[in-house]
C-alpha atoms as a PDB file:
ATOM      1  CA  MET A   1       2.252 -11.708  -1.846  1.00  0.00           C
ATOM      2  CA  LYS A   2       4.194 -14.748  -3.016  1.00  0.00           C
ATOM      3  CA  ASN A   3       7.824 -15.452  -2.726  1.00  0.00           C
ATOM      4  CA  GLY A   4       8.676 -11.887  -1.822  1.00  0.00           C
ATOM      5  CA  LYS A   5       6.518 -10.647  -5.174  1.00  0.00           C
ATOM      6  CA  LEU A   6       3.318  -8.819  -5.056  1.00  0.00           C
ATOM      7  CA  VAL A   7       0.449 -10.720  -6.651  1.00  0.00           C
ATOM      8  CA  ARG A   8      -2.426  -8.564  -5.807  1.00  0.00           C
ATOM      9  CA  ILE A   9      -3.575  -5.562  -3.381  1.00  0.00           C
ATOM     10  CA  HIS A  10      -6.954  -5.956  -2.192  1.00  0.00           C
ATOM     11  CA  GLU A  11      -8.047  -2.249  -1.216  1.00  0.00           C
ATOM     12  CA  LYS A  12     -10.319  -2.077   1.798  1.00  0.00           C
ATOM     13  CA  PRO A  13     -11.647  -5.621   1.420  1.00  0.00           C
ATOM     14  CA  LYS A  14     -15.068  -6.093   3.078  1.00  0.00           C
ATOM     15  CA  GLU A  15     -14.029  -9.666   4.169  1.00  0.00           C
ATOM     16  CA  PHE A  16     -10.679 -10.997   5.500  1.00  0.00           C
ATOM     17  CA  VAL A  17      -8.096 -11.701   2.709  1.00  0.00           C
ATOM     18  CA  GLY A  18      -4.886 -12.030   4.851  1.00  0.00           C
ATOM     19  CA  ASP A  19      -2.757 -10.564   7.754  1.00  0.00           C
ATOM     20  CA  LEU A  20      -0.805  -8.269   5.846  1.00  0.00           C
ATOM     21  CA  ILE A  21      -1.586  -4.437   5.155  1.00  0.00           C
ATOM     22  CA  ASN A  22      -0.415  -2.022   2.425  1.00  0.00           C
ATOM     23  CA  THR A  23       1.830   0.747   4.188  1.00  0.00           C
ATOM     24  CA  GLY A  24       1.474   2.853   1.145  1.00  0.00           C
ATOM     25  CA  LEU A  25       5.190   3.147   1.008  1.00  0.00           C
ATOM     26  CA  TYR A  26       6.425   2.825  -2.679  1.00  0.00           C
ATOM     27  CA  LYS A  27       9.384   3.205  -4.764  1.00  0.00           C
ATOM     28  CA  PHE A  28       8.248   3.071  -8.197  1.00  0.00           C
ATOM     29  CA  THR A  29      10.158   2.716 -11.575  1.00  0.00           C
ATOM     30  CA  PRO A  30       8.884   4.425 -14.824  1.00  0.00           C
ATOM     31  CA  GLU A  31       6.662   1.217 -15.971  1.00  0.00           C
ATOM     32  CA  ILE A  32       4.055   2.290 -13.339  1.00  0.00           C
ATOM     33  CA  TYR A  33       2.822   5.118 -15.703  1.00  0.00           C
ATOM     34  CA  ASN A  34       1.888   2.505 -18.244  1.00  0.00           C
ATOM     35  CA  TYR A  35      -0.381   0.848 -15.972  1.00  0.00           C
ATOM     36  CA  LEU A  36      -1.834   4.396 -14.262  1.00  0.00           C
ATOM     37  CA  ALA A  37      -3.086   4.802 -17.678  1.00  0.00           C
ATOM     38  CA  GLN A  38      -5.176   1.640 -17.757  1.00  0.00           C
ATOM     39  CA  ILE A  39      -6.987   1.803 -14.399  1.00  0.00           C
ATOM     40  CA  LYS A  40     -10.624   2.692 -14.334  1.00  0.00           C
ATOM     41  CA  LEU A  41     -12.932   4.109 -11.673  1.00  0.00           C
ATOM     42  CA  SER A  42     -13.206   1.682  -8.668  1.00  0.00           C
ATOM     43  CA  PRO A  43     -16.801   0.632  -6.984  1.00  0.00           C
ATOM     44  CA  ARG A  44     -15.769   3.539  -4.532  1.00  0.00           C
ATOM     45  CA  GLY A  45     -15.603   6.185  -7.273  1.00  0.00           C
ATOM     46  CA  GLU A  46     -11.847   6.438  -7.250  1.00  0.00           C
ATOM     47  CA  TYR A  47      -8.898   5.751  -9.183  1.00  0.00           C
ATOM     48  CA  GLU A  48      -6.904   3.269  -6.651  1.00  0.00           C
ATOM     49  CA  LEU A  49      -3.043   3.336  -7.192  1.00  0.00           C
ATOM     50  CA  THR A  50      -3.271  -0.279  -5.929  1.00  0.00           C
ATOM     51  CA  ASP A  51      -5.052  -1.240  -8.893  1.00  0.00           C
ATOM     52  CA  ALA A  52      -2.146  -0.082 -11.202  1.00  0.00           C
ATOM     53  CA  LEU A  53       0.153  -1.822  -9.030  1.00  0.00           C
ATOM     54  CA  THR A  54      -1.761  -5.218  -9.295  1.00  0.00           C
ATOM     55  CA  LEU A  55      -1.912  -4.831 -12.961  1.00  0.00           C
ATOM     56  CA  LEU A  56       1.878  -4.133 -12.983  1.00  0.00           C
ATOM     57  CA  ALA A  57       2.415  -7.367 -10.621  1.00  0.00           C
ATOM     58  CA  GLN A  58       0.533  -9.403 -13.552  1.00  0.00           C
ATOM     59  CA  LYS A  59       2.974  -8.519 -16.092  1.00  0.00           C
ATOM     60  CA  GLU A  60       6.413  -7.690 -14.247  1.00  0.00           C
ATOM     61  CA  ASN A  61       8.059  -8.436 -10.832  1.00  0.00           C
ATOM     62  CA  VAL A  62       6.850  -6.372  -8.028  1.00  0.00           C
ATOM     63  CA  ASP A  63       9.142  -6.739  -5.172  1.00  0.00           C
ATOM     64  CA  VAL A  64       7.289  -6.482  -1.332  1.00  0.00           C
ATOM     65  CA  VAL A  65       9.215  -5.566   1.439  1.00  0.00           C
ATOM     66  CA  GLN A  66       7.763  -6.318   4.897  1.00  0.00           C
ATOM     67  CA  VAL A  67       8.148  -4.114   7.833  1.00  0.00           C
ATOM     68  CA  LYS A  68       8.469  -5.997  11.008  1.00  0.00           C
ATOM     69  CA  ASP A  69       9.282  -3.451  13.505  1.00  0.00           C
ATOM     70  CA  TYR A  70       6.368  -1.026  13.612  1.00  0.00           C
ATOM     71  CA  TRP A  71       4.126   0.866  11.367  1.00  0.00           C
ATOM     72  CA  LEU A  72       1.749   3.736  12.342  1.00  0.00           C
ATOM     73  CA  ASP A  73      -1.001   5.078  10.050  1.00  0.00           C
ATOM     74  CA  LEU A  74      -1.288   8.559   9.171  1.00  0.00           C
ATOM     75  CA  GLY A  75      -4.653   8.801   7.384  1.00  0.00           C
ATOM     76  CA  THR A  76      -6.053  11.686   9.085  1.00  0.00           C
ATOM     77  CA  THR A  77      -5.072  14.472  11.118  1.00  0.00           C
ATOM     78  CA  ALA A  78      -6.412  13.200  14.311  1.00  0.00           C
ATOM     79  CA  ASP A  79      -3.471  10.627  13.702  1.00  0.00           C
ATOM     80  CA  ILE A  80      -0.923  13.490  13.877  1.00  0.00           C
ATOM     81  CA  GLN A  81      -0.910  13.984  17.599  1.00  0.00           C
ATOM     82  CA  LYS A  82      -0.946  10.156  18.225  1.00  0.00           C
ATOM     83  CA  ILE A  83       2.353   9.626  16.003  1.00  0.00           C
ATOM     84  CA  GLU A  84       4.293  12.903  17.566  1.00  0.00           C
ATOM     85  CA  ASN A  85       3.402  10.995  20.890  1.00  0.00           C
ATOM     86  CA  PHE A  86       4.872   7.607  19.791  1.00  0.00           C
ATOM     87  CA  LEU A  87       7.949   9.410  18.275  1.00  0.00           C
ATOM     88  CA  ASN A  88       8.534  11.515  21.519  1.00  0.00           C
ATOM     89  CA  ASN A  89       8.655   8.334  23.431  1.00  0.00           C
ATOM     90  CA  ARG A  90      11.013   6.556  21.384  1.00  0.00           C
ATOM     91  CA  ARG A  91      13.627   9.132  21.972  1.00  0.00           C
ATOM     92  CA  LYS A  92      13.479   8.902  25.759  1.00  0.00           C
END
């Protein structure tokens, strides 16, 4: 990120590239479709949405909003209970 704009997303880097994470929360404009059509399979054998976002950021301004309160990963079913506990404790 530079001046509140996306420069590049490093998807699952093997080495440290910074202290920010991608929450995976997006609000897209129709321009994203032009870049989705350009991405190729990643070394992990997947089509990475983050590759399309990086391409978009090279041509157009992509705003970045930093979450400053908290963020919880919901990447597996095991995370559901952890998040439910967190939300229940915040209601008290």
